[in-house]
């Protein structure tokens, strides 16, 4: 298991980003959460079964939904987290 936190900068709010990434996380078997922050960023904590799955997830973060523009992603590895599902908070 690998856990990471992400902060996405750019046009990431008001474009369906949370719903998009929830769909991708569920498709990949990733658990965690996504939320909009007051500073206009999107914050994600995610736990994947392995590094390869996390890399695929990170690719989806960089791409985003069609109306999004991701300018920068801050990523930090976390101690293993335990989540039941992936949800929007």
PDB file of N, CA and C in Angstrom:
ATOM      1  N   UNK A   1       0.844  -1.186   0.000  1.00  0.00           N
ATOM      2  CA  UNK A   1       0.000   0.000   0.000  1.00  0.00           C
ATOM      3  C   UNK A   1       0.886   1.245   0.000  1.00  0.00           C
ATOM      4  N   UNK A   2       0.445   2.228  -0.736  1.00  0.00           N
ATOM      5  CA  UNK A   2       1.150   3.518  -0.772  1.00  0.00           C
ATOM      6  C   UNK A   2       0.121   4.632  -0.614  1.00  0.00           C
ATOM      7  N   UNK A   3       0.445   5.589   0.240  1.00  0.00           N
ATOM      8  CA  UNK A   3      -0.453   6.721   0.485  1.00  0.00           C
ATOM      9  C   UNK A   3       0.267   8.020   0.149  1.00  0.00           C
ATOM     10  N   UNK A   4      -0.476   8.931  -0.471  1.00  0.00           N
ATOM     11  CA  UNK A   4       0.065  10.249  -0.816  1.00  0.00           C
ATOM     12  C   UNK A   4      -1.000  11.312  -0.615  1.00  0.00           C
ATOM     13  N   UNK A   5      -0.514  12.531  -0.408  1.00  0.00           N
ATOM     14  CA  UNK A   5      -1.406  13.690  -0.445  1.00  0.00           C
ATOM     15  C   UNK A   5      -1.001  14.549  -1.626  1.00  0.00           C
ATOM     16  N   UNK A   6      -2.000  15.178  -2.208  1.00  0.00           N
ATOM     17  CA  UNK A   6      -1.783  16.027  -3.380  1.00  0.00           C
ATOM     18  C   UNK A   6      -2.494  17.353  -3.180  1.00  0.00           C
ATOM     19  N   UNK A   7      -1.885  18.427  -3.658  1.00  0.00           N
ATOM     20  CA  UNK A   7      -2.550  19.725  -3.746  1.00  0.00           C
ATOM     21  C   UNK A   7      -2.410  20.175  -5.187  1.00  0.00           C
ATOM     22  N   UNK A   8      -3.545  20.375  -5.848  1.00  0.00           N
ATOM     23  CA  UNK A   8      -3.566  20.738  -7.262  1.00  0.00           C
ATOM     24  C   UNK A   8      -3.866  22.219  -7.410  1.00  0.00           C
ATOM     25  N   UNK A   9      -3.049  22.883  -8.216  1.00  0.00           N
ATOM     26  CA  UNK A   9      -3.190  24.315  -8.475  1.00  0.00           C
ATOM     27  C   UNK A   9      -3.580  24.521  -9.937  1.00  0.00           C
ATOM     28  N   UNK A  10      -4.310  25.582 -10.199  1.00  0.00           N
ATOM     29  CA  UNK A  10      -4.736  25.916 -11.552  1.00  0.00           C
ATOM     30  C   UNK A  10      -6.243  26.127 -11.584  1.00  0.00           C
ATOM     31  N   UNK A  11      -6.850  25.849 -12.731  1.00  0.00           N
ATOM     32  CA  UNK A  11      -8.318  25.926 -12.831  1.00  0.00           C
ATOM     33  C   UNK A  11      -8.850  24.536 -12.469  1.00  0.00           C
ATOM     34  N   UNK A  12      -8.998  24.284 -11.173  1.00  0.00           N
ATOM     35  CA  UNK A  12      -9.355  22.952 -10.693  1.00  0.00           C
ATOM     36  C   UNK A  12     -10.654  22.940  -9.888  1.00  0.00           C
ATOM     37  N   UNK A  13     -11.237  24.109  -9.659  1.00  0.00           N
ATOM     38  CA  UNK A  13     -12.532  24.170  -8.985  1.00  0.00           C
ATOM     39  C   UNK A  13     -13.587  24.663  -9.968  1.00  0.00           C
ATOM     40  N   UNK A  14     -14.796  24.140  -9.820  1.00  0.00           N
ATOM     41  CA  UNK A  14     -15.895  24.552 -10.692  1.00  0.00           C
ATOM     42  C   UNK A  14     -15.846  23.916 -12.073  1.00  0.00           C
ATOM     43  N   UNK A  15     -15.044  22.855 -12.226  1.00  0.00           N
ATOM     44  CA  UNK A  15     -14.907  22.196 -13.531  1.00  0.00           C
ATOM     45  C   UNK A  15     -15.198  20.690 -13.448  1.00  0.00           C
ATOM     46  N   UNK A  16     -15.753  20.244 -12.305  1.00  0.00           N
ATOM     47  CA  UNK A  16     -16.069  18.827 -12.139  1.00  0.00           C
ATOM     48  C   UNK A  16     -14.881  17.967 -11.740  1.00  0.00           C
ATOM     49  N   UNK A  17     -13.836  18.599 -11.213  1.00  0.00           N
ATOM     50  CA  UNK A  17     -12.619  17.856 -10.901  1.00  0.00           C
ATOM     51  C   UNK A  17     -12.838  16.804  -9.816  1.00  0.00           C
ATOM     52  N   UNK A  18     -13.568  17.152  -8.763  1.00  0.00           N
ATOM     53  CA  UNK A  18     -13.776  16.197  -7.667  1.00  0.00           C
ATOM     54  C   UNK A  18     -14.533  14.964  -8.150  1.00  0.00           C
ATOM     55  N   UNK A  19     -15.526  15.166  -9.004  1.00  0.00           N
ATOM     56  CA  UNK A  19     -16.303  14.034  -9.516  1.00  0.00           C
ATOM     57  C   UNK A  19     -15.468  13.187 -10.478  1.00  0.00           C
ATOM     58  N   UNK A  20     -14.693  13.847 -11.302  1.00  0.00           N
ATOM     59  CA  UNK A  20     -13.806  13.170 -12.249  1.00  0.00           C
ATOM     60  C   UNK A  20     -12.815  12.274 -11.506  1.00  0.00           C
ATOM     61  N   UNK A  21     -12.152  12.834 -10.493  1.00  0.00           N
ATOM     62  CA  UNK A  21     -11.113  12.066  -9.813  1.00  0.00           C
ATOM     63  C   UNK A  21     -11.708  10.976  -8.940  1.00  0.00           C
ATOM     64  N   UNK A  22     -12.910  11.184  -8.430  1.00  0.00           N
ATOM     65  CA  UNK A  22     -13.589  10.121  -7.668  1.00  0.00           C
ATOM     66  C   UNK A  22     -13.873   8.935  -8.577  1.00  0.00           C
ATOM     67  N   UNK A  23     -14.327   9.204  -9.787  1.00  0.00           N
ATOM     68  CA  UNK A  23     -14.586   8.132 -10.755  1.00  0.00           C
ATOM     69  C   UNK A  23     -13.299   7.370 -11.074  1.00  0.00           C
ATOM     70  N   UNK A  24     -12.201   8.086 -11.313  1.00  0.00           N
ATOM     71  CA  UNK A  24     -10.931   7.438 -11.636  1.00  0.00           C
ATOM     72  C   UNK A  24     -10.416   6.625 -10.451  1.00  0.00           C
ATOM     73  N   UNK A  25     -10.535   7.176  -9.241  1.00  0.00           N
ATOM     74  CA  UNK A  25     -10.085   6.457  -8.039  1.00  0.00           C
ATOM     75  C   UNK A  25     -10.860   5.155  -7.868  1.00  0.00           C
ATOM     76  N   UNK A  26     -12.173   5.215  -8.033  1.00  0.00           N
ATOM     77  CA  UNK A  26     -12.991   4.015  -7.891  1.00  0.00           C
ATOM     78  C   UNK A  26     -12.645   2.985  -8.962  1.00  0.00           C
ATOM     79  N   UNK A  27     -12.362   3.423 -10.160  1.00  0.00           N
ATOM     80  CA  UNK A  27     -11.981   2.529 -11.253  1.00  0.00           C
ATOM     81  C   UNK A  27     -10.668   1.796 -10.917  1.00  0.00           C
ATOM     82  N   UNK A  28      -9.743   2.494 -10.237  1.00  0.00           N
ATOM     83  CA  UNK A  28      -8.423   1.940  -9.923  1.00  0.00           C
ATOM     84  C   UNK A  28      -8.365   1.221  -8.570  1.00  0.00           C
ATOM     85  N   UNK A  29      -9.426   1.303  -7.785  1.00  0.00           N
ATOM     86  CA  UNK A  29      -9.405   0.692  -6.453  1.00  0.00           C
ATOM     87  C   UNK A  29      -8.657   1.518  -5.427  1.00  0.00           C
ATOM     88  N   UNK A  30      -8.612   2.824  -5.640  1.00  0.00           N
ATOM     89  CA  UNK A  30      -7.932   3.743  -4.722  1.00  0.00           C
ATOM     90  C   UNK A  30      -8.941   4.258  -3.701  1.00  0.00           C
ATOM     91  N   UNK A  31      -8.490   4.342  -2.456  1.00  0.00           N
ATOM     92  CA  UNK A  31      -9.327   4.838  -1.353  1.00  0.00           C
ATOM     93  C   UNK A  31      -8.793   6.186  -0.892  1.00  0.00           C
ATOM     94  N   UNK A  32      -9.667   7.007  -0.313  1.00  0.00           N
ATOM     95  CA  UNK A  32      -9.240   8.300   0.208  1.00  0.00           C
ATOM     96  C   UNK A  32     -10.323   9.337   0.054  1.00  0.00           C
ATOM     97  N   UNK A  33      -9.910  10.587  -0.167  1.00  0.00           N
ATOM     98  CA  UNK A  33     -10.886  11.664  -0.324  1.00  0.00           C
ATOM     99  C   UNK A  33     -10.317  12.811  -1.148  1.00  0.00           C
ATOM    100  N   UNK A  34     -11.228  13.644  -1.635  1.00  0.00           N
ATOM    101  CA  UNK A  34     -10.883  14.858  -2.368  1.00  0.00           C
ATOM    102  C   UNK A  34     -11.771  15.978  -1.847  1.00  0.00           C
ATOM    103  N   UNK A  35     -11.205  17.178  -1.739  1.00  0.00           N
ATOM    104  CA  UNK A  35     -12.009  18.328  -1.304  1.00  0.00           C
ATOM    105  C   UNK A  35     -11.463  19.613  -1.920  1.00  0.00           C
ATOM    106  N   UNK A  36     -12.356  20.576  -2.098  1.00  0.00           N
ATOM    107  CA  UNK A  36     -11.963  21.914  -2.516  1.00  0.00           C
ATOM    108  C   UNK A  36     -11.461  22.675  -1.300  1.00  0.00           C
ATOM    109  N   UNK A  37     -10.435  23.477  -1.501  1.00  0.00           N
ATOM    110  CA  UNK A  37      -9.888  24.301  -0.435  1.00  0.00           C
ATOM    111  C   UNK A  37     -10.264  25.763  -0.681  1.00  0.00           C
ATOM    112  N   UNK A  38     -10.277  26.553   0.385  1.00  0.00           N
ATOM    113  CA  UNK A  38     -10.660  27.966   0.287  1.00  0.00           C
ATOM    114  C   UNK A  38      -9.707  28.767  -0.604  1.00  0.00           C
ATOM    115  N   UNK A  39      -8.460  28.310  -0.746  1.00  0.00           N
ATOM    116  CA  UNK A  39      -7.478  29.047  -1.559  1.00  0.00           C
ATOM    117  C   UNK A  39      -7.580  28.727  -3.048  1.00  0.00           C
ATOM    118  N   UNK A  40      -8.599  27.947  -3.458  1.00  0.00           N
ATOM    119  CA  UNK A  40      -8.803  27.644  -4.881  1.00  0.00           C
ATOM    120  C   UNK A  40      -8.128  26.365  -5.346  1.00  0.00           C
ATOM    121  N   UNK A  41      -7.419  25.676  -4.451  1.00  0.00           N
ATOM    122  CA  UNK A  41      -6.785  24.415  -4.807  1.00  0.00           C
ATOM    123  C   UNK A  41      -7.714  23.241  -4.538  1.00  0.00           C
ATOM    124  N   UNK A  42      -7.317  22.078  -5.008  1.00  0.00           N
ATOM    125  CA  UNK A  42      -8.003  20.833  -4.689  1.00  0.00           C
ATOM    126  C   UNK A  42      -7.013  19.981  -3.896  1.00  0.00           C
ATOM    127  N   UNK A  43      -7.483  19.437  -2.756  1.00  0.00           N
ATOM    128  CA  UNK A  43      -6.652  18.622  -1.877  1.00  0.00           C
ATOM    129  C   UNK A  43      -7.132  17.181  -1.938  1.00  0.00           C
ATOM    130  N   UNK A  44      -6.179  16.254  -2.059  1.00  0.00           N
ATOM    131  CA  UNK A  44      -6.502  14.831  -2.170  1.00  0.00           C
ATOM    132  C   UNK A  44      -5.598  14.036  -1.243  1.00  0.00           C
ATOM    133  N   UNK A  45      -6.170  13.073  -0.536  1.00  0.00           N
ATOM    134  CA  UNK A  45      -5.402  12.028   0.131  1.00  0.00           C
ATOM    135  C   UNK A  45      -5.834  10.724  -0.498  1.00  0.00           C
ATOM    136  N   UNK A  46      -4.870   9.917  -0.921  1.00  0.00           N
ATOM    137  CA  UNK A  46      -5.175   8.693  -1.662  1.00  0.00           C
ATOM    138  C   UNK A  46      -4.275   7.555  -1.211  1.00  0.00           C
ATOM    139  N   UNK A  47      -4.867   6.364  -1.110  1.00  0.00           N
ATOM    140  CA  UNK A  47      -4.122   5.145  -0.809  1.00  0.00           C
ATOM    141  C   UNK A  47      -4.362   4.159  -1.935  1.00  0.00           C
ATOM    142  N   UNK A  48      -3.266   3.729  -2.552  1.00  0.00           N
ATOM    143  CA  UNK A  48      -3.331   2.783  -3.672  1.00  0.00           C
ATOM    144  C   UNK A  48      -2.696   1.460  -3.244  1.00  0.00           C
ATOM    145  N   UNK A  49      -3.093   0.372  -3.898  1.00  0.00           N
ATOM    146  CA  UNK A  49      -2.520  -0.930  -3.533  1.00  0.00           C
ATOM    147  C   UNK A  49      -1.038  -1.069  -3.880  1.00  0.00           C
ATOM    148  N   UNK A  50      -0.534  -0.283  -4.849  1.00  0.00           N
ATOM    149  CA  UNK A  50       0.870  -0.379  -5.244  1.00  0.00           C
ATOM    150  C   UNK A  50       1.296   0.896  -5.971  1.00  0.00           C
ATOM    151  N   UNK A  51       2.593   1.023  -6.207  1.00  0.00           N
ATOM    152  CA  UNK A  51       3.138   2.234  -6.843  1.00  0.00           C
ATOM    153  C   UNK A  51       2.646   2.427  -8.277  1.00  0.00           C
ATOM    154  N   UNK A  52       2.520   1.341  -9.010  1.00  0.00           N
ATOM    155  CA  UNK A  52       2.063   1.448 -10.406  1.00  0.00           C
ATOM    156  C   UNK A  52       0.656   2.053 -10.472  1.00  0.00           C
ATOM    157  N   UNK A  53      -0.235   1.573  -9.603  1.00  0.00           N
ATOM    158  CA  UNK A  53      -1.598   2.114  -9.567  1.00  0.00           C
ATOM    159  C   UNK A  53      -1.575   3.592  -9.200  1.00  0.00           C
ATOM    160  N   UNK A  54      -0.725   3.967  -8.245  1.00  0.00           N
ATOM    161  CA  UNK A  54      -0.624   5.379  -7.854  1.00  0.00           C
ATOM    162  C   UNK A  54      -0.108   6.212  -9.018  1.00  0.00           C
ATOM    163  N   UNK A  55       0.828   5.690  -9.790  1.00  0.00           N
ATOM    164  CA  UNK A  55       1.347   6.421 -10.948  1.00  0.00           C
ATOM    165  C   UNK A  55       0.246   6.662 -11.985  1.00  0.00           C
ATOM    166  N   UNK A  56      -0.601   5.662 -12.211  1.00  0.00           N
ATOM    167  CA  UNK A  56      -1.721   5.830 -13.141  1.00  0.00           C
ATOM    168  C   UNK A  56      -2.662   6.912 -12.620  1.00  0.00           C
ATOM    169  N   UNK A  57      -2.955   6.872 -11.313  1.00  0.00           N
ATOM    170  CA  UNK A  57      -3.818   7.874 -10.686  1.00  0.00           C
ATOM    171  C   UNK A  57      -3.226   9.274 -10.862  1.00  0.00           C
ATOM    172  N   UNK A  58      -1.916   9.400 -10.643  1.00  0.00           N
ATOM    173  CA  UNK A  58      -1.247  10.696 -10.798  1.00  0.00           C
ATOM    174  C   UNK A  58      -1.354  11.208 -12.233  1.00  0.00           C
ATOM    175  N   UNK A  59      -1.346  10.311 -13.187  1.00  0.00           N
ATOM    176  CA  UNK A  59      -1.545  10.704 -14.580  1.00  0.00           C
ATOM    177  C   UNK A  59      -2.913  11.333 -14.795  1.00  0.00           C
ATOM    178  N   UNK A  60      -3.934  10.763 -14.150  1.00  0.00           N
ATOM    179  CA  UNK A  60      -5.278  11.339 -14.234  1.00  0.00           C
ATOM    180  C   UNK A  60      -5.339  12.701 -13.544  1.00  0.00           C
ATOM    181  N   UNK A  61      -4.582  12.864 -12.459  1.00  0.00           N
ATOM    182  CA  UNK A  61      -4.548  14.166 -11.777  1.00  0.00           C
ATOM    183  C   UNK A  61      -3.971  15.239 -12.694  1.00  0.00           C
ATOM    184  N   UNK A  62      -2.912  14.897 -13.412  1.00  0.00           N
ATOM    185  CA  UNK A  62      -2.276  15.861 -14.318  1.00  0.00           C
ATOM    186  C   UNK A  62      -3.194  16.242 -15.466  1.00  0.00           C
ATOM    187  N   UNK A  63      -3.973  15.283 -15.943  1.00  0.00           N
ATOM    188  CA  UNK A  63      -4.861  15.515 -17.081  1.00  0.00           C
ATOM    189  C   UNK A  63      -6.103  16.293 -16.663  1.00  0.00           C
ATOM    190  N   UNK A  64      -6.807  15.806 -15.649  1.00  0.00           N
ATOM    191  CA  UNK A  64      -8.036  16.438 -15.189  1.00  0.00           C
ATOM    192  C   UNK A  64      -9.148  16.327 -16.206  1.00  0.00           C
ATOM    193  N   UNK A  65     -10.352  16.775 -15.829  1.00  0.00           N
ATOM    194  CA  UNK A  65     -11.463  16.792 -16.776  1.00  0.00           C
ATOM    195  C   UNK A  65     -11.223  17.836 -17.866  1.00  0.00           C
ATOM    196  N   UNK A  66     -12.029  17.818 -18.893  1.00  0.00           N
ATOM    197  CA  UNK A  66     -11.773  18.642 -20.085  1.00  0.00           C
ATOM    198  C   UNK A  66     -11.711  20.143 -19.805  1.00  0.00           C
ATOM    199  N   UNK A  67     -12.470  20.644 -18.844  1.00  0.00           N
ATOM    200  CA  UNK A  67     -12.479  22.085 -18.568  1.00  0.00           C
ATOM    201  C   UNK A  67     -11.392  22.525 -17.592  1.00  0.00           C
ATOM    202  N   UNK A  68     -10.689  21.575 -17.002  1.00  0.00           N
ATOM    203  CA  UNK A  68      -9.665  21.898 -16.004  1.00  0.00           C
ATOM    204  C   UNK A  68      -8.343  22.272 -16.662  1.00  0.00           C
ATOM    205  N   UNK A  69      -7.531  22.984 -15.890  1.00  0.00           N
ATOM    206  CA  UNK A  69      -6.151  23.268 -16.273  1.00  0.00           C
ATOM    207  C   UNK A  69      -5.302  23.106 -15.011  1.00  0.00           C
ATOM    208  N   UNK A  70      -4.487  22.085 -14.980  1.00  0.00           N
ATOM    209  CA  UNK A  70      -3.635  21.819 -13.821  1.00  0.00           C
ATOM    210  C   UNK A  70      -2.270  22.440 -14.081  1.00  0.00           C
ATOM    211  N   UNK A  71      -1.950  23.470 -13.306  1.00  0.00           N
ATOM    212  CA  UNK A  71      -0.680  24.179 -13.471  1.00  0.00           C
ATOM    213  C   UNK A  71       0.434  23.559 -12.641  1.00  0.00           C
ATOM    214  N   UNK A  72       0.083  23.019 -11.486  1.00  0.00           N
ATOM    215  CA  UNK A  72       1.093  22.510 -10.570  1.00  0.00           C
ATOM    216  C   UNK A  72       0.466  21.495  -9.635  1.00  0.00           C
ATOM    217  N   UNK A  73       1.219  20.443  -9.307  1.00  0.00           N
ATOM    218  CA  UNK A  73       0.780  19.451  -8.324  1.00  0.00           C
ATOM    219  C   UNK A  73       1.866  19.319  -7.270  1.00  0.00           C
ATOM    220  N   UNK A  74       1.498  19.567  -6.021  1.00  0.00           N
ATOM    221  CA  UNK A  74       2.388  19.301  -4.895  1.00  0.00           C
ATOM    222  C   UNK A  74       2.023  17.918  -4.373  1.00  0.00           C
ATOM    223  N   UNK A  75       2.967  17.006  -4.303  1.00  0.00           N
ATOM    224  CA  UNK A  75       2.714  15.640  -3.842  1.00  0.00           C
ATOM    225  C   UNK A  75       3.671  15.296  -2.718  1.00  0.00           C
ATOM    226  N   UNK A  76       3.132  14.645  -1.693  1.00  0.00           N
ATOM    227  CA  UNK A  76       3.921  14.202  -0.551  1.00  0.00           C
ATOM    228  C   UNK A  76       3.493  12.800  -0.175  1.00  0.00           C
ATOM    229  N   UNK A  77       4.464  11.920   0.022  1.00  0.00           N
ATOM    230  CA  UNK A  77       4.134  10.582   0.477  1.00  0.00           C
ATOM    231  C   UNK A  77       3.755  10.641   1.952  1.00  0.00           C
ATOM    232  N   UNK A  78       2.753   9.850   2.332  1.00  0.00           N
ATOM    233  CA  UNK A  78       2.251   9.805   3.701  1.00  0.00           C
ATOM    234  C   UNK A  78       2.477   8.424   4.292  1.00  0.00           C
ATOM    235  N   UNK A  79       2.475   8.330   5.624  1.00  0.00           N
ATOM    236  CA  UNK A  79       2.413   6.996   6.218  1.00  0.00           C
ATOM    237  C   UNK A  79       1.127   6.320   5.733  1.00  0.00           C
ATOM    238  N   UNK A  80       1.114   5.019   5.693  1.00  0.00           N
ATOM    239  CA  UNK A  80      -0.048   4.290   5.174  1.00  0.00           C
ATOM    240  C   UNK A  80      -1.337   4.735   5.860  1.00  0.00           C
ATOM    241  N   UNK A  81      -2.303   5.122   5.053  1.00  0.00           N
ATOM    242  CA  UNK A  81      -3.607   5.567   5.548  1.00  0.00           C
ATOM    243  C   UNK A  81      -4.636   4.459   5.324  1.00  0.00           C
ATOM    244  N   UNK A  82      -5.689   4.465   6.124  1.00  0.00           N
ATOM    245  CA  UNK A  82      -6.738   3.461   5.981  1.00  0.00           C
ATOM    246  C   UNK A  82      -8.067   4.174   5.725  1.00  0.00           C
ATOM    247  N   UNK A  83      -8.606   3.966   4.531  1.00  0.00           N
ATOM    248  CA  UNK A  83      -9.898   4.537   4.152  1.00  0.00           C
ATOM    249  C   UNK A  83     -10.792   3.386   3.672  1.00  0.00           C
ATOM    250  N   UNK A  84     -12.098   3.559   3.860  1.00  0.00           N
ATOM    251  CA  UNK A  84     -13.060   2.529   3.413  1.00  0.00           C
ATOM    252  C   UNK A  84     -13.410   2.670   1.947  1.00  0.00           C
ATOM    253  N   UNK A  85     -13.341   3.914   1.438  1.00  0.00           N
ATOM    254  CA  UNK A  85     -13.748   4.202   0.060  1.00  0.00           C
ATOM    255  C   UNK A  85     -13.086   5.501  -0.362  1.00  0.00           C
ATOM    256  N   UNK A  86     -13.371   5.940  -1.583  1.00  0.00           N
ATOM    257  CA  UNK A  86     -12.934   7.254  -2.032  1.00  0.00           C
ATOM    258  C   UNK A  86     -14.156   8.143  -2.050  1.00  0.00           C
ATOM    259  N   UNK A  87     -14.051   9.308  -1.422  1.00  0.00           N
ATOM    260  CA  UNK A  87     -15.229  10.177  -1.310  1.00  0.00           C
ATOM    261  C   UNK A  87     -14.882  11.638  -1.497  1.00  0.00           C
ATOM    262  N   UNK A  88     -15.915  12.401  -1.785  1.00  0.00           N
ATOM    263  CA  UNK A  88     -15.818  13.855  -1.874  1.00  0.00           C
ATOM    264  C   UNK A  88     -16.175  14.402  -0.511  1.00  0.00           C
ATOM    265  N   UNK A  89     -15.331  15.282  -0.009  1.00  0.00           N
ATOM    266  CA  UNK A  89     -15.606  15.914   1.296  1.00  0.00           C
ATOM    267  C   UNK A  89     -15.850  17.390   1.127  1.00  0.00           C
TER     268      UNK A  89
END
